[in-house]
Amino acid sequence: MSSRGSWSTDRQGCSVITTQPGLPWQSDNSTIRRSKLKILSWNLGHQTREKPLAAGLLDAIKQLGPDVLVLNEFVDGPTRQSLYQGLGESGFAWRLVSDRVGRHNQVLIASKSPLLPGPMRGPDMPGGAGASNFLHVQLENFELVGLRAPAYKTQGELQLYWSLLSELVTGSAGRRMVWIGDLNADPDRPRYVGGRTLRSLEASGWQLPRPTGTWSFVRGTRIDHALVAKELCLLSARYVIEVNGRLVVSAVPGEGISDHAALEIHIQT
């Protein structure tokens, strides 16, 4: 499971964690120096279909240079081999995809360092969308959940989903966790259940950055977010709408890579 241990600080002020064994890369009583990582989360807008990948996706990922990539609203299938080949050529030697339930979207997580599937499962919602849009992985010095909150239509569904998700996040307190993706909620709009829940989790100690940039979805909303455990150092967060001067977000199919900006966060593990 998670990497837990005691904290110390070296002469440069960089924290060090002493871990207990539990993952294949950990030795008994090993000490792992903290490292800076870039995590990139992007909603691809596949809308439950195995749609062709947008031109420029792999190049944009390469230019942004994340250490860990999280793609949501993703659908796996035979046409994804070129994506996997391109990710491998860019250094993403490890990847996992959530199990698809029915015709719901999936989550892909790719990493330049080893990762393992984690035991957590998404909210157990009728129809399976909560599980299909959720992936928990374990990396060398932290855990990561990539997710997309399904766009439920009724208040009953929304209340149930956010109650179950909140239980999962709260239950992971004290672990070195990052939760990231399209949450279909804005913590600065607490009149809605998703926003209220995010604000409540923030008040309980989770780091909830407000990324630089005006919006994350082309309609002008800020719905892509990350929750970072207080055991990790959060360095920055931003919404990416341009890569090397090229606009990568558009509401017009074929003009951009997605109708969402990419969410990029830097952490120190």
C-alpha atoms as a PDB file:
ATOM      1  CA  MET A   1       0.000   0.000   0.000  1.00  0.00           C
ATOM      2  CA  SER A   2       1.203   3.524   0.721  1.00  0.00           C
ATOM      3  CA  SER A   3       4.709   4.627   1.602  1.00  0.00           C
ATOM      4  CA  ARG A   4       4.620   5.805   5.201  1.00  0.00           C
ATOM      5  CA  GLY A   5       7.386   6.806   7.520  1.00  0.00           C
ATOM      6  CA  SER A   6       9.099   9.516   9.529  1.00  0.00           C
ATOM      7  CA  TRP A   7      10.205  12.910   8.198  1.00  0.00           C
ATOM      8  CA  SER A   8      13.565  14.604   8.557  1.00  0.00           C
ATOM      9  CA  THR A   9      15.208  17.577   6.832  1.00  0.00           C
ATOM     10  CA  ASP A  10      18.621  17.601   5.192  1.00  0.00           C
ATOM     11  CA  ARG A  11      21.109  20.479   5.220  1.00  0.00           C
ATOM     12  CA  GLN A  12      19.594  22.066   2.111  1.00  0.00           C
ATOM     13  CA  GLY A  13      16.111  22.104   3.625  1.00  0.00           C
ATOM     14  CA  CYS A  14      14.916  19.268   1.396  1.00  0.00           C
ATOM     15  CA  SER A  15      12.810  16.779   3.274  1.00  0.00           C
ATOM     16  CA  VAL A  16      13.677  13.091   3.321  1.00  0.00           C
ATOM     17  CA  ILE A  17      11.319  10.231   4.102  1.00  0.00           C
ATOM     18  CA  THR A  18      12.273   6.964   5.735  1.00  0.00           C
ATOM     19  CA  THR A  19       9.933   4.335   4.309  1.00  0.00           C
ATOM     20  CA  GLN A  20       8.908   0.931   5.425  1.00  0.00           C
ATOM     21  CA  PRO A  21       9.100  -1.952   2.920  1.00  0.00           C
ATOM     22  CA  GLY A  22       5.982  -2.842   1.010  1.00  0.00           C
ATOM     23  CA  LEU A  23       6.575  -2.064  -2.653  1.00  0.00           C
ATOM     24  CA  PRO A  24       9.062  -3.935  -4.857  1.00  0.00           C
ATOM     25  CA  TRP A  25      11.467  -0.977  -5.156  1.00  0.00           C
ATOM     26  CA  GLN A  26      11.666  -0.470  -1.374  1.00  0.00           C
ATOM     27  CA  SER A  27      14.330  -2.095   0.740  1.00  0.00           C
ATOM     28  CA  ASP A  28      14.123  -2.509   4.497  1.00  0.00           C
ATOM     29  CA  ASN A  29      14.323   0.836   6.297  1.00  0.00           C
ATOM     30  CA  SER A  30      15.284   2.586   3.048  1.00  0.00           C
ATOM     31  CA  THR A  31      15.605   6.376   2.930  1.00  0.00           C
ATOM     32  CA  ILE A  32      14.339   8.054  -0.242  1.00  0.00           C
ATOM     33  CA  ARG A  33      15.270  11.658  -1.003  1.00  0.00           C
ATOM     34  CA  ARG A  34      12.354  13.784  -2.067  1.00  0.00           C
ATOM     35  CA  SER A  35      12.160  14.549  -5.765  1.00  0.00           C
ATOM     36  CA  LYS A  36      10.199  17.098  -7.791  1.00  0.00           C
ATOM     37  CA  LEU A  37       7.591  15.705 -10.152  1.00  0.00           C
ATOM     38  CA  LYS A  38       5.290  17.149 -12.783  1.00  0.00           C
ATOM     39  CA  ILE A  39       1.853  15.549 -13.101  1.00  0.00           C
ATOM     40  CA  LEU A  40      -0.284  16.359 -16.143  1.00  0.00           C
ATOM     41  CA  SER A  41      -4.015  15.590 -16.195  1.00  0.00           C
ATOM     42  CA  TRP A  42      -6.070  16.024 -19.359  1.00  0.00           C
ATOM     43  CA  ASN A  43      -9.675  15.314 -20.284  1.00  0.00           C
ATOM     44  CA  LEU A  44      -9.615  14.100 -23.902  1.00  0.00           C
ATOM     45  CA  GLY A  45     -13.335  14.587 -24.533  1.00  0.00           C
ATOM     46  CA  HIS A  46     -13.929  11.122 -26.006  1.00  0.00           C
ATOM     47  CA  GLN A  47     -17.485  11.048 -24.636  1.00  0.00           C
ATOM     48  CA  THR A  48     -17.669   7.238 -24.239  1.00  0.00           C
ATOM     49  CA  ARG A  49     -16.517   6.536 -27.836  1.00  0.00           C
ATOM     50  CA  GLU A  50     -13.158   5.292 -29.109  1.00  0.00           C
ATOM     51  CA  LYS A  51     -12.685   8.511 -31.036  1.00  0.00           C
ATOM     52  CA  PRO A  52      -9.522   9.196 -33.051  1.00  0.00           C
ATOM     53  CA  LEU A  53      -6.793  10.896 -31.068  1.00  0.00           C
ATOM     54  CA  ALA A  54      -6.423  14.576 -31.807  1.00  0.00           C
ATOM     55  CA  ALA A  55      -3.538  15.578 -34.009  1.00  0.00           C
ATOM     56  CA  GLY A  56      -0.765  16.988 -31.909  1.00  0.00           C
ATOM     57  CA  LEU A  57      -1.641  15.179 -28.677  1.00  0.00           C
ATOM     58  CA  LEU A  58       1.595  13.231 -28.418  1.00  0.00           C
ATOM     59  CA  ASP A  59       3.660  16.242 -29.425  1.00  0.00           C
ATOM     60  CA  ALA A  60       1.949  18.409 -26.801  1.00  0.00           C
ATOM     61  CA  ILE A  61       2.606  15.797 -24.109  1.00  0.00           C
ATOM     62  CA  LYS A  62       6.239  15.592 -25.178  1.00  0.00           C
ATOM     63  CA  GLN A  63       6.595  19.383 -25.105  1.00  0.00           C
ATOM     64  CA  LEU A  64       5.000  19.681 -21.661  1.00  0.00           C
ATOM     65  CA  GLY A  65       7.260  16.917 -20.362  1.00  0.00           C
ATOM     66  CA  PRO A  66       5.331  15.440 -17.422  1.00  0.00           C
ATOM     67  CA  ASP A  67       6.735  12.683 -15.257  1.00  0.00           C
ATOM     68  CA  VAL A  68       3.252  11.223 -14.805  1.00  0.00           C
ATOM     69  CA  LEU A  69       0.395  11.551 -17.285  1.00  0.00           C
ATOM     70  CA  VAL A  70      -3.295  11.126 -16.421  1.00  0.00           C
ATOM     71  CA  LEU A  71      -5.821  11.007 -19.264  1.00  0.00           C
ATOM     72  CA  ASN A  72      -9.515  10.974 -18.397  1.00  0.00           C
ATOM     73  CA  GLU A  73     -12.630  10.753 -20.529  1.00  0.00           C
ATOM     74  CA  PHE A  74     -10.481   8.222 -22.362  1.00  0.00           C
ATOM     75  CA  VAL A  75     -11.685   5.070 -24.122  1.00  0.00           C
ATOM     76  CA  ASP A  76      -9.259   2.203 -24.687  1.00  0.00           C
ATOM     77  CA  GLY A  77      -9.311   0.000 -27.769  1.00  0.00           C
ATOM     78  CA  PRO A  78      -7.393  -1.361 -30.786  1.00  0.00           C
ATOM     79  CA  THR A  79      -6.769   2.103 -32.252  1.00  0.00           C
ATOM     80  CA  ARG A  80      -4.735   3.165 -29.215  1.00  0.00           C
ATOM     81  CA  GLN A  81      -1.587   1.254 -30.172  1.00  0.00           C
ATOM     82  CA  SER A  82      -0.069   4.331 -31.827  1.00  0.00           C
ATOM     83  CA  LEU A  83      -0.664   6.278 -28.615  1.00  0.00           C
ATOM     84  CA  TYR A  84       1.012   3.609 -26.515  1.00  0.00           C
ATOM     85  CA  GLN A  85       3.938   3.387 -28.916  1.00  0.00           C
ATOM     86  CA  GLY A  86       4.375   7.154 -28.867  1.00  0.00           C
ATOM     87  CA  LEU A  87       4.185   7.299 -25.079  1.00  0.00           C
ATOM     88  CA  GLY A  88       6.792   4.555 -24.849  1.00  0.00           C
ATOM     89  CA  GLU A  89       9.103   6.458 -27.195  1.00  0.00           C
ATOM     90  CA  SER A  90       8.665   9.520 -24.955  1.00  0.00           C
ATOM     91  CA  GLY A  91       9.826   7.610 -21.889  1.00  0.00           C
ATOM     92  CA  PHE A  92       6.509   6.469 -20.429  1.00  0.00           C
ATOM     93  CA  ALA A  93       7.542   2.869 -19.909  1.00  0.00           C
ATOM     94  CA  TRP A  94       4.723   2.061 -17.473  1.00  0.00           C
ATOM     95  CA  ARG A  95       0.988   2.513 -17.951  1.00  0.00           C
ATOM     96  CA  LEU A  96      -2.319   1.290 -16.597  1.00  0.00           C
ATOM     97  CA  VAL A  97      -5.918   1.785 -17.739  1.00  0.00           C
ATOM     98  CA  SER A  98      -9.026   1.450 -15.590  1.00  0.00           C
ATOM     99  CA  ASP A  99     -11.380  -1.427 -16.325  1.00  0.00           C
ATOM    100  CA  ARG A 100     -14.217  -0.307 -18.546  1.00  0.00           C
ATOM    101  CA  VAL A 101     -17.697  -0.807 -17.127  1.00  0.00           C
ATOM    102  CA  GLY A 102     -20.454  -0.831 -19.739  1.00  0.00           C
ATOM    103  CA  ARG A 103     -19.980   2.042 -22.164  1.00  0.00           C
ATOM    104  CA  HIS A 104     -18.448   4.434 -19.661  1.00  0.00           C
ATOM    105  CA  ASN A 105     -15.190   6.333 -20.010  1.00  0.00           C
ATOM    106  CA  GLN A 106     -11.887   5.180 -18.576  1.00  0.00           C
ATOM    107  CA  VAL A 107      -8.739   6.662 -17.048  1.00  0.00           C
ATOM    108  CA  LEU A 108      -5.195   6.061 -18.322  1.00  0.00           C
ATOM    109  CA  ILE A 109      -2.141   6.714 -16.156  1.00  0.00           C
ATOM    110  CA  ALA A 110       1.323   6.545 -17.744  1.00  0.00           C
ATOM    111  CA  SER A 111       4.593   7.089 -15.899  1.00  0.00           C
ATOM    112  CA  LYS A 112       8.310   7.386 -16.581  1.00  0.00           C
ATOM    113  CA  SER A 113       8.996   5.496 -13.346  1.00  0.00           C
ATOM    114  CA  PRO A 114       7.519   2.204 -12.116  1.00  0.00           C
ATOM    115  CA  LEU A 115       3.909   2.082 -11.021  1.00  0.00           C
ATOM    116  CA  LEU A 116       1.649  -0.638  -9.691  1.00  0.00           C
ATOM    117  CA  PRO A 117      -2.148  -0.955  -9.587  1.00  0.00           C
ATOM    118  CA  GLY A 118      -3.580   0.163  -6.265  1.00  0.00           C
ATOM    119  CA  PRO A 119      -6.426  -1.531  -4.404  1.00  0.00           C
ATOM    120  CA  MET A 120      -8.862   1.396  -4.228  1.00  0.00           C
ATOM    121  CA  ARG A 121     -11.962   1.289  -6.393  1.00  0.00           C
ATOM    122  CA  GLY A 122     -14.154   4.172  -7.447  1.00  0.00           C
ATOM    123  CA  PRO A 123     -17.541   5.085  -5.963  1.00  0.00           C
ATOM    124  CA  ASP A 124     -19.923   2.156  -6.318  1.00  0.00           C
ATOM    125  CA  MET A 125     -22.600   3.930  -8.325  1.00  0.00           C
ATOM    126  CA  PRO A 126     -25.496   2.334 -10.203  1.00  0.00           C
ATOM    127  CA  GLY A 127     -24.406   1.666 -13.779  1.00  0.00           C
ATOM    128  CA  GLY A 128     -20.709   1.578 -12.927  1.00  0.00           C
ATOM    129  CA  ALA A 129     -19.622   5.051 -14.091  1.00  0.00           C
ATOM    130  CA  GLY A 130     -17.970   5.799 -10.763  1.00  0.00           C
ATOM    131  CA  ALA A 131     -15.755   2.732 -11.032  1.00  0.00           C
ATOM    132  CA  SER A 132     -14.964   3.044 -14.748  1.00  0.00           C
ATOM    133  CA  ASN A 133     -13.799   6.668 -14.374  1.00  0.00           C
ATOM    134  CA  PHE A 134     -11.356   5.935 -11.535  1.00  0.00           C
ATOM    135  CA  LEU A 135      -7.830   4.517 -11.342  1.00  0.00           C
ATOM    136  CA  HIS A 136      -5.609   4.165  -8.265  1.00  0.00           C
ATOM    137  CA  VAL A 137      -1.885   3.524  -8.731  1.00  0.00           C
ATOM    138  CA  GLN A 138       1.139   3.320  -6.466  1.00  0.00           C
ATOM    139  CA  LEU A 139       4.400   4.992  -7.417  1.00  0.00           C
ATOM    140  CA  GLU A 140       7.739   4.943  -5.674  1.00  0.00           C
ATOM    141  CA  ASN A 141       7.050   7.552  -3.031  1.00  0.00           C
ATOM    142  CA  PHE A 142       3.371   8.443  -3.313  1.00  0.00           C
ATOM    143  CA  GLU A 143      -0.023   7.214  -4.469  1.00  0.00           C
ATOM    144  CA  LEU A 144      -2.140   8.698  -7.231  1.00  0.00           C
ATOM    145  CA  VAL A 145      -5.805   8.535  -8.148  1.00  0.00           C
ATOM    146  CA  GLY A 146      -6.825   9.723 -11.593  1.00  0.00           C
ATOM    147  CA  LEU A 147     -10.546  10.247 -12.007  1.00  0.00           C
ATOM    148  CA  ARG A 148     -13.398  11.967 -13.730  1.00  0.00           C
ATOM    149  CA  ALA A 149     -16.585  12.746 -11.857  1.00  0.00           C
ATOM    150  CA  PRO A 150     -19.416  11.555 -14.119  1.00  0.00           C
ATOM    151  CA  ALA A 151     -21.872  14.239 -15.232  1.00  0.00           C
ATOM    152  CA  TYR A 152     -24.849  12.952 -13.276  1.00  0.00           C
ATOM    153  CA  LYS A 153     -28.151  14.685 -13.990  1.00  0.00           C
ATOM    154  CA  THR A 154     -30.165  14.222 -10.799  1.00  0.00           C
ATOM    155  CA  GLN A 155     -29.505  15.655  -7.357  1.00  0.00           C
ATOM    156  CA  GLY A 156     -29.845  12.193  -5.866  1.00  0.00           C
ATOM    157  CA  GLU A 157     -27.069  10.807  -8.056  1.00  0.00           C
ATOM    158  CA  LEU A 158     -24.820  13.796  -7.407  1.00  0.00           C
ATOM    159  CA  GLN A 159     -25.339  13.625  -3.646  1.00  0.00           C
ATOM    160  CA  LEU A 160     -24.591   9.899  -3.580  1.00  0.00           C
ATOM    161  CA  TYR A 161     -21.497  10.154  -5.784  1.00  0.00           C
ATOM    162  CA  TRP A 162     -19.932  12.986  -3.812  1.00  0.00           C
ATOM    163  CA  SER A 163     -20.740  11.323  -0.500  1.00  0.00           C
ATOM    164  CA  LEU A 164     -18.992   8.125  -1.632  1.00  0.00           C
ATOM    165  CA  LEU A 165     -16.042   9.999  -3.131  1.00  0.00           C
ATOM    166  CA  SER A 166     -15.631  12.085   0.009  1.00  0.00           C
ATOM    167  CA  GLU A 167     -15.510   8.892   2.082  1.00  0.00           C
ATOM    168  CA  LEU A 168     -12.736   7.542  -0.142  1.00  0.00           C
ATOM    169  CA  VAL A 169     -10.677  10.733   0.029  1.00  0.00           C
ATOM    170  CA  THR A 170     -11.187  11.104   3.774  1.00  0.00           C
ATOM    171  CA  GLY A 171     -10.234   7.463   4.280  1.00  0.00           C
ATOM    172  CA  SER A 172      -6.902   8.079   2.556  1.00  0.00           C
ATOM    173  CA  ALA A 173      -5.902  10.889   4.941  1.00  0.00           C
ATOM    174  CA  GLY A 174      -2.422  10.426   6.341  1.00  0.00           C
ATOM    175  CA  ARG A 175      -1.183   8.762   3.163  1.00  0.00           C
ATOM    176  CA  ARG A 176       0.986  10.395   0.525  1.00  0.00           C
ATOM    177  CA  MET A 177      -1.826  10.837  -1.988  1.00  0.00           C
ATOM    178  CA  VAL A 178      -2.713  12.926  -5.021  1.00  0.00           C
ATOM    179  CA  TRP A 179      -6.251  12.915  -6.440  1.00  0.00           C
ATOM    180  CA  ILE A 180      -6.447  14.609  -9.844  1.00  0.00           C
ATOM    181  CA  GLY A 181      -8.771  14.912 -12.819  1.00  0.00           C
ATOM    182  CA  ASP A 182     -11.966  16.405 -14.175  1.00  0.00           C
ATOM    183  CA  LEU A 183     -14.100  16.726 -11.058  1.00  0.00           C
ATOM    184  CA  ASN A 184     -16.975  18.531 -12.779  1.00  0.00           C
ATOM    185  CA  ALA A 185     -16.994  20.846  -9.760  1.00  0.00           C
ATOM    186  CA  ASP A 186     -15.543  24.171  -8.683  1.00  0.00           C
ATOM    187  CA  PRO A 187     -14.600  24.699  -5.026  1.00  0.00           C
ATOM    188  CA  ASP A 188     -15.298  28.407  -5.456  1.00  0.00           C
ATOM    189  CA  ARG A 189     -18.917  27.647  -6.366  1.00  0.00           C
ATOM    190  CA  PRO A 190     -20.017  25.998  -3.113  1.00  0.00           C
ATOM    191  CA  ARG A 191     -23.741  26.270  -3.856  1.00  0.00           C
ATOM    192  CA  TYR A 192     -23.289  22.987  -5.748  1.00  0.00           C
ATOM    193  CA  VAL A 193     -22.637  19.712  -3.949  1.00  0.00           C
ATOM    194  CA  GLY A 194     -19.308  19.053  -5.692  1.00  0.00           C
ATOM    195  CA  GLY A 195     -17.961  22.483  -4.834  1.00  0.00           C
ATOM    196  CA  ARG A 196     -19.162  22.191  -1.229  1.00  0.00           C
ATOM    197  CA  THR A 197     -17.516  18.790  -0.875  1.00  0.00           C
ATOM    198  CA  LEU A 198     -14.209  20.034  -2.239  1.00  0.00           C
ATOM    199  CA  ARG A 199     -14.285  22.994   0.143  1.00  0.00           C
ATOM    200  CA  SER A 200     -15.004  20.633   3.031  1.00  0.00           C
ATOM    201  CA  LEU A 201     -12.065  18.400   2.102  1.00  0.00           C
ATOM    202  CA  GLU A 202      -9.849  21.477   1.870  1.00  0.00           C
ATOM    203  CA  ALA A 203     -10.962  22.574   5.330  1.00  0.00           C
ATOM    204  CA  SER A 204     -10.065  19.128   6.678  1.00  0.00           C
ATOM    205  CA  GLY A 205      -6.428  19.551   5.611  1.00  0.00           C
ATOM    206  CA  TRP A 206      -6.197  18.591   1.927  1.00  0.00           C
ATOM    207  CA  GLN A 207      -4.291  20.990  -0.305  1.00  0.00           C
ATOM    208  CA  LEU A 208      -6.611  22.223  -3.058  1.00  0.00           C
ATOM    209  CA  PRO A 209      -4.700  24.594  -5.355  1.00  0.00           C
ATOM    210  CA  ARG A 210      -6.426  27.207  -7.475  1.00  0.00           C
ATOM    211  CA  PRO A 211      -4.528  26.773 -10.742  1.00  0.00           C
ATOM    212  CA  THR A 212      -3.316  29.847 -12.576  1.00  0.00           C
ATOM    213  CA  GLY A 213      -5.363  30.472 -15.710  1.00  0.00           C
ATOM    214  CA  THR A 214      -8.920  31.677 -16.131  1.00  0.00           C
ATOM    215  CA  TRP A 215     -10.723  28.420 -16.886  1.00  0.00           C
ATOM    216  CA  SER A 216     -10.244  24.708 -17.572  1.00  0.00           C
ATOM    217  CA  PHE A 217     -13.316  24.044 -19.743  1.00  0.00           C
ATOM    218  CA  VAL A 218     -14.210  26.033 -22.834  1.00  0.00           C
ATOM    219  CA  ARG A 219     -17.526  27.161 -21.347  1.00  0.00           C
ATOM    220  CA  GLY A 220     -15.500  29.218 -18.914  1.00  0.00           C
ATOM    221  CA  THR A 221     -15.682  26.966 -15.868  1.00  0.00           C
ATOM    222  CA  ARG A 222     -12.905  25.720 -13.588  1.00  0.00           C
ATOM    223  CA  ILE A 223     -13.729  22.051 -13.085  1.00  0.00           C
ATOM    224  CA  ASP A 224     -10.353  20.261 -13.342  1.00  0.00           C
ATOM    225  CA  HIS A 225      -8.669  20.054  -9.946  1.00  0.00           C
ATOM    226  CA  ALA A 226      -6.239  18.233  -7.696  1.00  0.00           C
ATOM    227  CA  LEU A 227      -6.351  17.295  -4.023  1.00  0.00           C
ATOM    228  CA  VAL A 228      -2.875  16.869  -2.569  1.00  0.00           C
ATOM    229  CA  ALA A 229      -2.195  15.327   0.828  1.00  0.00           C
ATOM    230  CA  LYS A 230      -0.513  17.582   3.374  1.00  0.00           C
ATOM    231  CA  GLU A 231       2.244  14.944   3.576  1.00  0.00           C
ATOM    232  CA  LEU A 232       3.389  16.085   0.103  1.00  0.00           C
ATOM    233  CA  CYS A 233       4.816  19.441  -0.921  1.00  0.00           C
ATOM    234  CA  LEU A 234       2.655  21.210  -3.511  1.00  0.00           C
ATOM    235  CA  LEU A 235       4.762  23.608  -5.573  1.00  0.00           C
ATOM    236  CA  SER A 236       2.459  24.958  -8.291  1.00  0.00           C
ATOM    237  CA  ALA A 237      -0.634  24.358 -10.411  1.00  0.00           C
ATOM    238  CA  ARG A 238      -1.736  25.828 -13.734  1.00  0.00           C
ATOM    239  CA  TYR A 239      -4.185  25.337 -16.583  1.00  0.00           C
ATOM    240  CA  VAL A 240      -2.447  24.879 -19.955  1.00  0.00           C
ATOM    241  CA  ILE A 241      -4.285  26.176 -23.021  1.00  0.00           C
ATOM    242  CA  GLU A 242      -1.265  26.801 -25.267  1.00  0.00           C
ATOM    243  CA  VAL A 243       1.798  24.717 -26.054  1.00  0.00           C
ATOM    244  CA  ASN A 244       4.622  26.521 -27.851  1.00  0.00           C
ATOM    245  CA  GLY A 245       2.214  29.195 -29.000  1.00  0.00           C
ATOM    246  CA  ARG A 246      -0.355  26.748 -30.345  1.00  0.00           C
ATOM    247  CA  LEU A 247      -3.854  26.809 -28.858  1.00  0.00           C
ATOM    248  CA  VAL A 248      -4.667  23.263 -27.755  1.00  0.00           C
ATOM    249  CA  VAL A 249      -8.197  23.912 -26.442  1.00  0.00           C
ATOM    250  CA  SER A 250     -11.219  24.498 -28.643  1.00  0.00           C
ATOM    251  CA  ALA A 251     -14.961  23.921 -28.595  1.00  0.00           C
ATOM    252  CA  VAL A 252     -14.814  23.155 -32.326  1.00  0.00           C
ATOM    253  CA  PRO A 253     -14.036  19.487 -33.040  1.00  0.00           C
ATOM    254  CA  GLY A 254     -10.736  19.094 -34.844  1.00  0.00           C
ATOM    255  CA  GLU A 255      -9.408  22.547 -33.984  1.00  0.00           C
ATOM    256  CA  GLY A 256      -7.868  21.697 -30.623  1.00  0.00           C
ATOM    257  CA  ILE A 257      -6.716  18.640 -28.762  1.00  0.00           C
ATOM    258  CA  SER A 258      -9.627  18.837 -26.330  1.00  0.00           C
ATOM    259  CA  ASP A 259     -12.352  21.112 -25.015  1.00  0.00           C
ATOM    260  CA  HIS A 260     -10.483  21.066 -21.680  1.00  0.00           C
ATOM    261  CA  ALA A 261      -7.227  22.705 -20.730  1.00  0.00           C
ATOM    262  CA  ALA A 262      -4.597  20.394 -19.333  1.00  0.00           C
ATOM    263  CA  LEU A 263      -4.067  20.630 -15.578  1.00  0.00           C
ATOM    264  CA  GLU A 264      -0.393  20.639 -14.629  1.00  0.00           C
ATOM    265  CA  ILE A 265       0.811  20.410 -11.038  1.00  0.00           C
ATOM    266  CA  HIS A 266       4.299  20.250  -9.566  1.00  0.00           C
ATOM    267  CA  ILE A 267       4.849  18.388  -6.324  1.00  0.00           C
ATOM    268  CA  GLN A 268       7.809  17.359  -4.236  1.00  0.00           C
ATOM    269  CA  THR A 269       7.405  13.791  -3.021  1.00  0.00           C
END
